[in-house]
Amino acid sequence: MRITRAVLGAALMGTAVMFAGCGESSASENPAGPQEAAAGQAVTLTDGQILGVLLVANAGEVMLSQVGQAQATDPTARDFNARMVTMHTEVIQRLEEVAMAQGMAPAESPVSQHLQETAKRTVDLLNGTPQGAMFDLSVMDAQVAAHSGTALLGDSLLAPQVQNPALREELMAVRKTVQGHLQEAANIQTTLWNAQSP
């Protein structure tokens, strides 16, 4: 239980820092750091940028889950990751269909760039973790962090700003699915943690 809270706290902190760092100035342009640089600046996204964030978040989940599917030794963790590959690929396909039907193009933003960098770092870290019980727990930690971060992002930044009704509907569907994935990932994480505890 302690590890779940720690990972969730880290995920929420990382997302909060990401929101704070998404103003006009980047951390590299302002030595004060992302939180200070963006103080008082609202993060505003267009529908195209919201679409871009959703596509990147789901692509990152597919990348993470492919590593978990290939390397997890625990059958429950491996099966969960395999389902995440399938389900998040389906979400990407639905988002692409919405974009095509609405004549909307995905656009980059500091938020999508941050998500892309975070996904790559997470996958690199997992690829450097030896297979076995520690990898299984690490990949489920990453799943909890990814899904909790996506849920927070959707609730606090994307949902209040989305304008297109079809994109809003898909965002709400994705948010509901993410909540189910988060609960399942947290349950698996807790089981794996308890199995390693004396």
N, C-alpha and C. Protein backbone atom coordinates (compact mmCIF):
# COMPACT_ATOMS: atom_id res chain seq x y z
N MET A 1 0.83 -1.19 0.00
CA MET A 1 0.00 0.00 0.00
C MET A 1 0.87 1.26 0.00
N ARG A 2 1.99 1.20 0.75
CA ARG A 2 2.89 2.34 0.83
C ARG A 2 3.44 2.70 -0.55
N ILE A 3 3.79 1.68 -1.34
CA ILE A 3 4.36 1.94 -2.67
C ILE A 3 3.32 2.56 -3.59
N THR A 4 2.06 2.14 -3.47
CA THR A 4 1.01 2.70 -4.31
C THR A 4 0.88 4.20 -4.05
N ARG A 5 0.86 4.58 -2.78
CA ARG A 5 0.74 6.00 -2.46
C ARG A 5 1.95 6.78 -2.95
N ALA A 6 3.13 6.19 -2.83
CA ALA A 6 4.35 6.89 -3.26
C ALA A 6 4.33 7.11 -4.76
N VAL A 7 3.96 6.08 -5.53
CA VAL A 7 3.94 6.20 -6.99
C VAL A 7 2.85 7.17 -7.42
N LEU A 8 1.68 7.07 -6.78
CA LEU A 8 0.59 7.97 -7.13
C LEU A 8 0.99 9.41 -6.82
N GLY A 9 1.63 9.62 -5.67
CA GLY A 9 2.09 10.96 -5.32
C GLY A 9 3.09 11.49 -6.32
N ALA A 10 4.01 10.63 -6.76
CA ALA A 10 5.00 11.05 -7.75
C ALA A 10 4.33 11.39 -9.07
N ALA A 11 3.34 10.60 -9.46
CA ALA A 11 2.63 10.85 -10.72
C ALA A 11 1.89 12.18 -10.65
N LEU A 12 1.21 12.42 -9.54
CA LEU A 12 0.46 13.67 -9.41
C LEU A 12 1.40 14.87 -9.35
N MET A 13 2.52 14.71 -8.65
CA MET A 13 3.51 15.79 -8.59
C MET A 13 4.08 16.08 -9.97
N GLY A 14 4.40 15.02 -10.71
CA GLY A 14 4.94 15.20 -12.06
C GLY A 14 3.95 15.90 -12.97
N THR A 15 2.67 15.54 -12.84
CA THR A 15 1.66 16.18 -13.66
C THR A 15 1.48 17.63 -13.25
N ALA A 16 1.51 17.89 -11.94
CA ALA A 16 1.38 19.28 -11.49
C ALA A 16 2.53 20.13 -11.99
N VAL A 17 3.74 19.60 -11.95
CA VAL A 17 4.90 20.31 -12.47
C VAL A 17 4.74 20.53 -13.97
N MET A 18 4.20 19.50 -14.66
CA MET A 18 4.00 19.63 -16.09
C MET A 18 3.04 20.78 -16.38
N PHE A 19 1.92 20.85 -15.63
CA PHE A 19 0.97 21.93 -15.86
C PHE A 19 1.64 23.27 -15.61
N ALA A 20 2.41 23.34 -14.53
CA ALA A 20 3.07 24.60 -14.18
C ALA A 20 4.08 25.00 -15.23
N GLY A 21 4.66 24.03 -15.90
CA GLY A 21 5.72 24.31 -16.86
C GLY A 21 5.24 24.53 -18.27
N CYS A 22 3.95 24.61 -18.47
CA CYS A 22 3.43 24.69 -19.84
C CYS A 22 3.05 26.09 -20.26
N GLY A 23 3.61 27.10 -19.63
CA GLY A 23 3.35 28.47 -20.05
C GLY A 23 4.17 28.83 -21.28
N GLU A 24 4.22 30.10 -21.56
CA GLU A 24 4.93 30.55 -22.75
C GLU A 24 6.43 30.30 -22.67
N SER A 25 7.01 30.43 -21.47
CA SER A 25 8.45 30.23 -21.32
C SER A 25 8.73 28.79 -20.97
N SER A 26 9.74 28.22 -21.57
CA SER A 26 10.14 26.87 -21.20
C SER A 26 11.17 26.95 -20.09
N ALA A 27 11.38 25.82 -19.41
CA ALA A 27 12.35 25.79 -18.31
C ALA A 27 13.74 26.14 -18.81
N SER A 28 14.06 25.75 -20.04
CA SER A 28 15.39 26.03 -20.57
C SER A 28 15.58 27.52 -20.87
N GLU A 29 14.47 28.23 -21.12
CA GLU A 29 14.56 29.66 -21.40
C GLU A 29 14.57 30.48 -20.13
N ASN A 30 14.10 29.90 -19.02
CA ASN A 30 14.01 30.64 -17.78
C ASN A 30 14.68 29.84 -16.68
N PRO A 31 15.81 30.33 -16.15
CA PRO A 31 16.55 29.57 -15.15
C PRO A 31 15.82 29.41 -13.83
N ALA A 32 14.71 30.13 -13.64
CA ALA A 32 13.98 30.03 -12.38
C ALA A 32 13.29 28.68 -12.22
N GLY A 33 13.11 27.95 -13.32
CA GLY A 33 12.45 26.65 -13.24
C GLY A 33 11.03 26.73 -13.75
N PRO A 34 10.42 25.58 -14.08
CA PRO A 34 9.11 25.58 -14.73
C PRO A 34 8.01 26.17 -13.87
N GLN A 35 7.99 25.89 -12.56
CA GLN A 35 6.90 26.40 -11.73
C GLN A 35 6.96 27.92 -11.64
N GLU A 36 8.15 28.44 -11.38
CA GLU A 36 8.28 29.88 -11.26
C GLU A 36 8.07 30.57 -12.62
N ALA A 37 8.54 29.93 -13.68
CA ALA A 37 8.43 30.54 -15.00
C ALA A 37 6.98 30.70 -15.42
N ALA A 38 6.13 29.75 -15.01
CA ALA A 38 4.75 29.77 -15.47
C ALA A 38 3.79 30.32 -14.42
N ALA A 39 4.33 30.82 -13.32
CA ALA A 39 3.46 31.33 -12.26
C ALA A 39 2.50 32.37 -12.82
N GLY A 40 1.23 32.16 -12.55
CA GLY A 40 0.22 33.10 -13.00
C GLY A 40 -0.20 32.93 -14.45
N GLN A 41 0.39 31.98 -15.17
CA GLN A 41 0.03 31.76 -16.57
C GLN A 41 -0.89 30.55 -16.68
N ALA A 42 -2.01 30.73 -17.33
CA ALA A 42 -2.93 29.62 -17.55
C ALA A 42 -2.45 28.79 -18.73
N VAL A 43 -2.65 27.49 -18.64
CA VAL A 43 -2.33 26.60 -19.75
C VAL A 43 -3.57 26.53 -20.63
N THR A 44 -3.46 27.03 -21.85
CA THR A 44 -4.60 27.05 -22.76
C THR A 44 -4.29 26.18 -23.96
N LEU A 45 -5.22 25.27 -24.25
CA LEU A 45 -5.05 24.35 -25.38
C LEU A 45 -6.20 24.48 -26.35
N THR A 46 -5.89 24.39 -27.63
CA THR A 46 -6.93 24.32 -28.66
C THR A 46 -7.44 22.89 -28.75
N ASP A 47 -8.53 22.68 -29.46
CA ASP A 47 -9.02 21.31 -29.66
C ASP A 47 -7.99 20.45 -30.38
N GLY A 48 -7.27 21.03 -31.33
CA GLY A 48 -6.23 20.28 -32.03
C GLY A 48 -5.13 19.85 -31.08
N GLN A 49 -4.78 20.73 -30.14
CA GLN A 49 -3.76 20.38 -29.15
C GLN A 49 -4.28 19.34 -28.15
N ILE A 50 -5.55 19.45 -27.79
CA ILE A 50 -6.15 18.44 -26.90
C ILE A 50 -6.14 17.08 -27.60
N LEU A 51 -6.50 17.06 -28.87
CA LEU A 51 -6.43 15.83 -29.66
C LEU A 51 -5.00 15.30 -29.66
N GLY A 52 -4.03 16.19 -29.85
CA GLY A 52 -2.63 15.77 -29.84
C GLY A 52 -2.21 15.18 -28.51
N VAL A 53 -2.65 15.78 -27.41
CA VAL A 53 -2.34 15.25 -26.07
C VAL A 53 -2.92 13.86 -25.91
N LEU A 54 -4.17 13.67 -26.31
CA LEU A 54 -4.81 12.36 -26.18
C LEU A 54 -4.11 11.30 -27.02
N LEU A 55 -3.72 11.66 -28.23
CA LEU A 55 -3.01 10.70 -29.08
C LEU A 55 -1.66 10.33 -28.49
N VAL A 56 -0.92 11.32 -28.00
CA VAL A 56 0.40 11.06 -27.41
C VAL A 56 0.26 10.23 -26.13
N ALA A 57 -0.72 10.56 -25.29
CA ALA A 57 -0.91 9.81 -24.04
C ALA A 57 -1.20 8.35 -24.33
N ASN A 58 -2.04 8.08 -25.32
CA ASN A 58 -2.38 6.70 -25.65
C ASN A 58 -1.24 5.99 -26.36
N ALA A 59 -0.49 6.70 -27.20
CA ALA A 59 0.68 6.10 -27.84
C ALA A 59 1.73 5.74 -26.79
N GLY A 60 1.90 6.61 -25.79
CA GLY A 60 2.83 6.32 -24.71
C GLY A 60 2.40 5.09 -23.92
N GLU A 61 1.10 4.97 -23.71
CA GLU A 61 0.57 3.79 -23.00
C GLU A 61 0.82 2.52 -23.81
N VAL A 62 0.68 2.60 -25.12
CA VAL A 62 0.94 1.43 -25.97
C VAL A 62 2.42 1.04 -25.86
N MET A 63 3.32 2.03 -25.94
CA MET A 63 4.76 1.74 -25.82
C MET A 63 5.09 1.08 -24.48
N LEU A 64 4.58 1.67 -23.41
CA LEU A 64 4.80 1.13 -22.07
C LEU A 64 4.27 -0.30 -21.97
N SER A 65 3.08 -0.52 -22.47
CA SER A 65 2.44 -1.83 -22.36
C SER A 65 3.12 -2.88 -23.22
N GLN A 66 3.67 -2.48 -24.35
CA GLN A 66 4.42 -3.43 -25.18
C GLN A 66 5.63 -3.97 -24.43
N VAL A 67 6.30 -3.08 -23.69
CA VAL A 67 7.44 -3.52 -22.88
C VAL A 67 6.96 -4.48 -21.80
N GLY A 68 5.87 -4.13 -21.13
CA GLY A 68 5.32 -4.99 -20.09
C GLY A 68 4.87 -6.33 -20.62
N GLN A 69 4.22 -6.32 -21.77
CA GLN A 69 3.75 -7.56 -22.38
C GLN A 69 4.93 -8.47 -22.73
N ALA A 70 5.99 -7.90 -23.23
CA ALA A 70 7.14 -8.68 -23.67
C ALA A 70 8.00 -9.19 -22.50
N GLN A 71 8.07 -8.41 -21.41
CA GLN A 71 9.06 -8.72 -20.39
C GLN A 71 8.51 -9.15 -19.04
N ALA A 72 7.23 -8.92 -18.77
CA ALA A 72 6.69 -9.30 -17.47
C ALA A 72 6.67 -10.82 -17.34
N THR A 73 7.02 -11.29 -16.15
CA THR A 73 7.00 -12.73 -15.89
C THR A 73 5.74 -13.15 -15.14
N ASP A 74 5.14 -12.22 -14.40
CA ASP A 74 3.88 -12.51 -13.71
C ASP A 74 2.76 -12.54 -14.74
N PRO A 75 1.98 -13.64 -14.79
CA PRO A 75 0.92 -13.75 -15.82
C PRO A 75 -0.12 -12.63 -15.74
N THR A 76 -0.48 -12.21 -14.55
CA THR A 76 -1.49 -11.15 -14.41
C THR A 76 -0.96 -9.83 -14.95
N ALA A 77 0.28 -9.50 -14.63
CA ALA A 77 0.89 -8.26 -15.14
C ALA A 77 1.06 -8.34 -16.65
N ARG A 78 1.50 -9.49 -17.14
CA ARG A 78 1.70 -9.65 -18.59
C ARG A 78 0.37 -9.52 -19.34
N ASP A 79 -0.68 -10.17 -18.82
CA ASP A 79 -1.99 -10.11 -19.47
C ASP A 79 -2.57 -8.70 -19.44
N PHE A 80 -2.40 -8.01 -18.32
CA PHE A 80 -2.88 -6.63 -18.23
C PHE A 80 -2.21 -5.77 -19.29
N ASN A 81 -0.89 -5.89 -19.40
CA ASN A 81 -0.16 -5.09 -20.39
C ASN A 81 -0.57 -5.44 -21.81
N ALA A 82 -0.82 -6.71 -22.07
CA ALA A 82 -1.28 -7.11 -23.41
C ALA A 82 -2.62 -6.47 -23.74
N ARG A 83 -3.53 -6.45 -22.76
CA ARG A 83 -4.83 -5.81 -22.99
C ARG A 83 -4.69 -4.31 -23.18
N MET A 84 -3.74 -3.70 -22.47
CA MET A 84 -3.53 -2.26 -22.62
C MET A 84 -3.04 -1.92 -24.03
N VAL A 85 -2.19 -2.77 -24.60
CA VAL A 85 -1.75 -2.55 -25.98
C VAL A 85 -2.96 -2.50 -26.90
N THR A 86 -3.83 -3.50 -26.78
CA THR A 86 -5.02 -3.58 -27.63
C THR A 86 -5.96 -2.42 -27.39
N MET A 87 -6.28 -2.16 -26.12
CA MET A 87 -7.29 -1.15 -25.81
C MET A 87 -6.84 0.27 -26.15
N HIS A 88 -5.59 0.59 -25.86
CA HIS A 88 -5.13 1.95 -26.17
C HIS A 88 -4.88 2.14 -27.67
N THR A 89 -4.58 1.07 -28.38
CA THR A 89 -4.51 1.15 -29.84
C THR A 89 -5.90 1.45 -30.40
N GLU A 90 -6.92 0.82 -29.82
CA GLU A 90 -8.29 1.09 -30.26
C GLU A 90 -8.69 2.53 -29.98
N VAL A 91 -8.25 3.08 -28.84
CA VAL A 91 -8.55 4.48 -28.52
C VAL A 91 -7.91 5.40 -29.57
N ILE A 92 -6.66 5.11 -29.94
CA ILE A 92 -5.98 5.91 -30.96
C ILE A 92 -6.78 5.87 -32.27
N GLN A 93 -7.26 4.70 -32.63
CA GLN A 93 -8.04 4.57 -33.87
C GLN A 93 -9.33 5.38 -33.79
N ARG A 94 -10.00 5.35 -32.63
CA ARG A 94 -11.24 6.13 -32.47
C ARG A 94 -10.94 7.63 -32.55
N LEU A 95 -9.85 8.05 -31.91
CA LEU A 95 -9.48 9.47 -31.96
C LEU A 95 -9.18 9.91 -33.39
N GLU A 96 -8.50 9.05 -34.13
CA GLU A 96 -8.21 9.37 -35.53
C GLU A 96 -9.49 9.47 -36.36
N GLU A 97 -10.46 8.62 -36.05
CA GLU A 97 -11.75 8.68 -36.75
C GLU A 97 -12.49 9.97 -36.43
N VAL A 98 -12.48 10.38 -35.15
CA VAL A 98 -13.10 11.63 -34.74
C VAL A 98 -12.43 12.79 -35.46
N ALA A 99 -11.10 12.77 -35.49
CA ALA A 99 -10.35 13.85 -36.15
C ALA A 99 -10.72 13.96 -37.62
N MET A 100 -10.80 12.81 -38.28
CA MET A 100 -11.13 12.81 -39.70
C MET A 100 -12.55 13.31 -39.93
N ALA A 101 -13.48 12.82 -39.12
CA ALA A 101 -14.88 13.22 -39.28
C ALA A 101 -15.10 14.70 -38.99
N GLN A 102 -14.31 15.25 -38.08
CA GLN A 102 -14.47 16.65 -37.68
C GLN A 102 -13.54 17.60 -38.44
N GLY A 103 -12.70 17.04 -39.32
CA GLY A 103 -11.75 17.88 -40.04
C GLY A 103 -10.75 18.55 -39.13
N MET A 104 -10.31 17.79 -38.11
CA MET A 104 -9.43 18.33 -37.09
C MET A 104 -8.05 17.68 -37.20
N ALA A 105 -7.01 18.47 -37.10
CA ALA A 105 -5.65 17.93 -37.14
C ALA A 105 -5.03 18.02 -35.75
N PRO A 106 -4.34 16.95 -35.31
CA PRO A 106 -3.66 17.04 -34.01
C PRO A 106 -2.54 18.06 -34.07
N ALA A 107 -2.35 18.77 -32.98
CA ALA A 107 -1.29 19.78 -32.90
C ALA A 107 -0.45 19.53 -31.66
N GLU A 108 0.84 19.84 -31.77
CA GLU A 108 1.75 19.71 -30.63
C GLU A 108 1.50 20.82 -29.63
N SER A 109 1.89 20.55 -28.40
CA SER A 109 1.85 21.56 -27.34
C SER A 109 2.92 21.19 -26.32
N PRO A 110 3.25 22.08 -25.42
CA PRO A 110 4.19 21.70 -24.35
C PRO A 110 3.71 20.48 -23.56
N VAL A 111 2.40 20.33 -23.43
CA VAL A 111 1.84 19.19 -22.69
C VAL A 111 2.12 17.89 -23.42
N SER A 112 1.83 17.85 -24.72
CA SER A 112 2.07 16.62 -25.48
C SER A 112 3.56 16.30 -25.56
N GLN A 113 4.39 17.35 -25.68
CA GLN A 113 5.84 17.12 -25.71
C GLN A 113 6.33 16.53 -24.40
N HIS A 114 5.81 17.05 -23.29
CA HIS A 114 6.19 16.52 -21.98
C HIS A 114 5.77 15.06 -21.84
N LEU A 115 4.56 14.76 -22.26
CA LEU A 115 4.07 13.37 -22.18
C LEU A 115 4.94 12.44 -23.01
N GLN A 116 5.34 12.89 -24.19
CA GLN A 116 6.17 12.07 -25.07
C GLN A 116 7.54 11.80 -24.43
N GLU A 117 8.13 12.83 -23.86
CA GLU A 117 9.43 12.68 -23.20
C GLU A 117 9.33 11.75 -21.98
N THR A 118 8.26 11.91 -21.21
CA THR A 118 8.06 11.08 -20.02
C THR A 118 7.89 9.62 -20.40
N ALA A 119 7.11 9.36 -21.44
CA ALA A 119 6.90 7.97 -21.89
C ALA A 119 8.21 7.35 -22.34
N LYS A 120 9.02 8.11 -23.06
CA LYS A 120 10.30 7.58 -23.53
C LYS A 120 11.23 7.28 -22.36
N ARG A 121 11.30 8.19 -21.39
CA ARG A 121 12.14 7.95 -20.20
C ARG A 121 11.67 6.72 -19.43
N THR A 122 10.36 6.57 -19.29
CA THR A 122 9.81 5.42 -18.55
C THR A 122 10.15 4.12 -19.25
N VAL A 123 9.98 4.08 -20.57
CA VAL A 123 10.31 2.87 -21.34
C VAL A 123 11.79 2.57 -21.24
N ASP A 124 12.64 3.60 -21.32
CA ASP A 124 14.09 3.38 -21.20
C ASP A 124 14.44 2.80 -19.84
N LEU A 125 13.82 3.33 -18.78
CA LEU A 125 14.07 2.81 -17.43
C LEU A 125 13.62 1.35 -17.31
N LEU A 126 12.46 1.05 -17.84
CA LEU A 126 11.95 -0.33 -17.76
C LEU A 126 12.85 -1.28 -18.56
N ASN A 127 13.30 -0.83 -19.71
CA ASN A 127 14.19 -1.69 -20.52
C ASN A 127 15.50 -1.98 -19.81
N GLY A 128 15.88 -1.11 -18.86
CA GLY A 128 17.09 -1.34 -18.09
C GLY A 128 16.87 -2.13 -16.81
N THR A 129 15.62 -2.53 -16.56
CA THR A 129 15.30 -3.29 -15.35
C THR A 129 15.30 -4.78 -15.68
N PRO A 130 16.07 -5.59 -14.94
CA PRO A 130 16.11 -7.03 -15.22
C PRO A 130 14.73 -7.67 -15.06
N GLN A 131 14.45 -8.67 -15.89
CA GLN A 131 13.18 -9.38 -15.80
C GLN A 131 13.07 -10.08 -14.46
N GLY A 132 11.85 -10.25 -14.01
CA GLY A 132 11.59 -10.92 -12.74
C GLY A 132 10.62 -10.10 -11.91
N ALA A 133 10.57 -10.42 -10.63
CA ALA A 133 9.59 -9.78 -9.74
C ALA A 133 9.76 -8.27 -9.69
N MET A 134 11.00 -7.78 -9.71
CA MET A 134 11.22 -6.33 -9.63
C MET A 134 10.71 -5.64 -10.90
N PHE A 135 10.94 -6.25 -12.06
CA PHE A 135 10.42 -5.66 -13.30
C PHE A 135 8.89 -5.64 -13.26
N ASP A 136 8.29 -6.75 -12.84
CA ASP A 136 6.83 -6.84 -12.83
C ASP A 136 6.24 -5.72 -11.97
N LEU A 137 6.81 -5.51 -10.79
CA LEU A 137 6.32 -4.45 -9.92
C LEU A 137 6.60 -3.08 -10.53
N SER A 138 7.76 -2.91 -11.15
CA SER A 138 8.12 -1.63 -11.78
C SER A 138 7.17 -1.28 -12.92
N VAL A 139 6.83 -2.26 -13.74
CA VAL A 139 5.95 -1.96 -14.87
C VAL A 139 4.54 -1.64 -14.38
N MET A 140 4.11 -2.27 -13.28
CA MET A 140 2.79 -1.93 -12.75
C MET A 140 2.82 -0.58 -12.04
N ASP A 141 3.95 -0.25 -11.41
CA ASP A 141 4.11 1.11 -10.86
C ASP A 141 3.95 2.13 -11.99
N ALA A 142 4.60 1.85 -13.11
CA ALA A 142 4.54 2.75 -14.27
C ALA A 142 3.12 2.85 -14.81
N GLN A 143 2.39 1.74 -14.82
CA GLN A 143 1.00 1.75 -15.29
C GLN A 143 0.12 2.60 -14.39
N VAL A 144 0.30 2.46 -13.08
CA VAL A 144 -0.48 3.27 -12.14
C VAL A 144 -0.16 4.75 -12.35
N ALA A 145 1.13 5.07 -12.47
CA ALA A 145 1.53 6.46 -12.68
C ALA A 145 0.98 7.02 -13.99
N ALA A 146 1.07 6.24 -15.05
CA ALA A 146 0.59 6.71 -16.36
C ALA A 146 -0.91 6.95 -16.36
N HIS A 147 -1.66 5.99 -15.81
CA HIS A 147 -3.11 6.13 -15.82
C HIS A 147 -3.59 7.22 -14.86
N SER A 148 -2.96 7.34 -13.69
CA SER A 148 -3.37 8.41 -12.77
C SER A 148 -3.02 9.78 -13.35
N GLY A 149 -1.87 9.87 -14.01
CA GLY A 149 -1.50 11.13 -14.65
C GLY A 149 -2.46 11.52 -15.77
N THR A 150 -2.88 10.53 -16.57
CA THR A 150 -3.83 10.79 -17.65
C THR A 150 -5.18 11.21 -17.09
N ALA A 151 -5.61 10.55 -16.01
CA ALA A 151 -6.90 10.90 -15.39
C ALA A 151 -6.87 12.34 -14.88
N LEU A 152 -5.80 12.71 -14.20
CA LEU A 152 -5.67 14.07 -13.67
C LEU A 152 -5.61 15.09 -14.79
N LEU A 153 -4.85 14.77 -15.82
CA LEU A 153 -4.73 15.65 -16.99
C LEU A 153 -6.10 15.88 -17.63
N GLY A 154 -6.85 14.79 -17.81
CA GLY A 154 -8.17 14.90 -18.42
C GLY A 154 -9.11 15.75 -17.58
N ASP A 155 -9.12 15.51 -16.27
CA ASP A 155 -10.06 16.21 -15.40
C ASP A 155 -9.72 17.68 -15.23
N SER A 156 -8.44 17.99 -15.05
CA SER A 156 -8.08 19.35 -14.67
C SER A 156 -7.72 20.26 -15.84
N LEU A 157 -7.33 19.70 -16.97
CA LEU A 157 -6.87 20.54 -18.07
C LEU A 157 -7.67 20.35 -19.36
N LEU A 158 -7.89 19.10 -19.76
CA LEU A 158 -8.52 18.85 -21.06
C LEU A 158 -10.03 19.07 -21.04
N ALA A 159 -10.72 18.43 -20.10
CA ALA A 159 -12.19 18.52 -20.07
C ALA A 159 -12.71 19.95 -19.95
N PRO A 160 -12.10 20.79 -19.13
CA PRO A 160 -12.62 22.16 -19.03
C PRO A 160 -12.42 23.00 -20.30
N GLN A 161 -11.52 22.57 -21.19
CA GLN A 161 -11.20 23.40 -22.35
C GLN A 161 -11.72 22.87 -23.68
N VAL A 162 -12.03 21.59 -23.76
CA VAL A 162 -12.43 21.02 -25.05
C VAL A 162 -13.72 21.69 -25.54
N GLN A 163 -13.75 22.03 -26.83
CA GLN A 163 -14.89 22.72 -27.42
C GLN A 163 -15.71 21.83 -28.34
N ASN A 164 -15.04 21.02 -29.15
CA ASN A 164 -15.72 20.19 -30.15
C ASN A 164 -16.54 19.10 -29.44
N PRO A 165 -17.85 19.01 -29.72
CA PRO A 165 -18.70 18.04 -29.03
C PRO A 165 -18.28 16.58 -29.24
N ALA A 166 -17.85 16.23 -30.45
CA ALA A 166 -17.43 14.85 -30.72
C ALA A 166 -16.14 14.52 -29.97
N LEU A 167 -15.22 15.47 -29.92
CA LEU A 167 -13.98 15.26 -29.19
C LEU A 167 -14.26 15.19 -27.69
N ARG A 168 -15.18 16.02 -27.21
CA ARG A 168 -15.57 15.98 -25.79
C ARG A 168 -16.14 14.61 -25.44
N GLU A 169 -16.99 14.09 -26.29
CA GLU A 169 -17.61 12.78 -26.04
C GLU A 169 -16.55 11.68 -25.97
N GLU A 170 -15.59 11.72 -26.88
CA GLU A 170 -14.52 10.72 -26.87
C GLU A 170 -13.63 10.90 -25.65
N LEU A 171 -13.35 12.14 -25.27
CA LEU A 171 -12.56 12.41 -24.08
C LEU A 171 -13.23 11.82 -22.84
N MET A 172 -14.54 11.98 -22.73
CA MET A 172 -15.27 11.45 -21.57
C MET A 172 -15.24 9.92 -21.56
N ALA A 173 -15.34 9.32 -22.75
CA ALA A 173 -15.27 7.86 -22.85
C ALA A 173 -13.88 7.36 -22.44
N VAL A 174 -12.86 8.06 -22.90
CA VAL A 174 -11.48 7.69 -22.55
C VAL A 174 -11.28 7.84 -21.05
N ARG A 175 -11.79 8.91 -20.48
CA ARG A 175 -11.62 9.16 -19.04
C ARG A 175 -12.24 8.02 -18.22
N LYS A 176 -13.40 7.56 -18.61
CA LYS A 176 -14.07 6.46 -17.90
C LYS A 176 -13.25 5.18 -18.00
N THR A 177 -12.74 4.90 -19.19
CA THR A 177 -11.91 3.71 -19.40
C THR A 177 -10.64 3.78 -18.57
N VAL A 178 -10.00 4.95 -18.55
CA VAL A 178 -8.75 5.13 -17.81
C VAL A 178 -8.98 4.84 -16.32
N GLN A 179 -10.12 5.26 -15.79
CA GLN A 179 -10.40 5.01 -14.37
C GLN A 179 -10.44 3.51 -14.08
N GLY A 180 -11.08 2.75 -14.97
CA GLY A 180 -11.11 1.30 -14.79
C GLY A 180 -9.72 0.68 -14.88
N HIS A 181 -8.93 1.15 -15.84
CA HIS A 181 -7.55 0.64 -15.98
C HIS A 181 -6.72 0.97 -14.74
N LEU A 182 -6.91 2.19 -14.22
CA LEU A 182 -6.16 2.61 -13.04
C LEU A 182 -6.46 1.72 -11.84
N GLN A 183 -7.73 1.43 -11.64
CA GLN A 183 -8.10 0.59 -10.49
C GLN A 183 -7.53 -0.81 -10.64
N GLU A 184 -7.62 -1.35 -11.84
CA GLU A 184 -7.09 -2.69 -12.08
C GLU A 184 -5.57 -2.73 -11.91
N ALA A 185 -4.89 -1.72 -12.45
CA ALA A 185 -3.43 -1.66 -12.32
C ALA A 185 -3.02 -1.54 -10.86
N ALA A 186 -3.74 -0.72 -10.09
CA ALA A 186 -3.42 -0.54 -8.68
C ALA A 186 -3.62 -1.85 -7.90
N ASN A 187 -4.65 -2.61 -8.25
CA ASN A 187 -4.89 -3.90 -7.59
C ASN A 187 -3.77 -4.88 -7.88
N ILE A 188 -3.33 -4.93 -9.13
CA ILE A 188 -2.22 -5.83 -9.50
C ILE A 188 -0.94 -5.39 -8.80
N GLN A 189 -0.70 -4.09 -8.80
CA GLN A 189 0.48 -3.53 -8.14
C GLN A 189 0.51 -3.93 -6.66
N THR A 190 -0.62 -3.79 -5.98
CA THR A 190 -0.69 -4.13 -4.56
C THR A 190 -0.43 -5.61 -4.34
N THR A 191 -1.01 -6.46 -5.20
CA THR A 191 -0.79 -7.91 -5.08
C THR A 191 0.68 -8.25 -5.25
N LEU A 192 1.33 -7.64 -6.25
CA LEU A 192 2.75 -7.91 -6.48
C LEU A 192 3.59 -7.41 -5.32
N TRP A 193 3.26 -6.25 -4.80
CA TRP A 193 3.99 -5.70 -3.66
C TRP A 193 3.86 -6.62 -2.45
N ASN A 194 2.64 -7.07 -2.16
CA ASN A 194 2.40 -7.94 -1.02
C ASN A 194 3.13 -9.28 -1.17
N ALA A 195 3.25 -9.74 -2.41
CA ALA A 195 3.96 -11.01 -2.66
C ALA A 195 5.45 -10.88 -2.36
N GLN A 196 5.98 -9.67 -2.51
CA GLN A 196 7.42 -9.47 -2.25
C GLN A 196 7.70 -9.13 -0.80
N SER A 197 6.67 -8.71 -0.06
CA SER A 197 6.87 -8.33 1.34
C SER A 197 7.00 -9.57 2.21
N PRO A 198 7.88 -9.54 3.21
CA PRO A 198 8.05 -10.71 4.08
C PRO A 198 6.82 -10.97 4.95
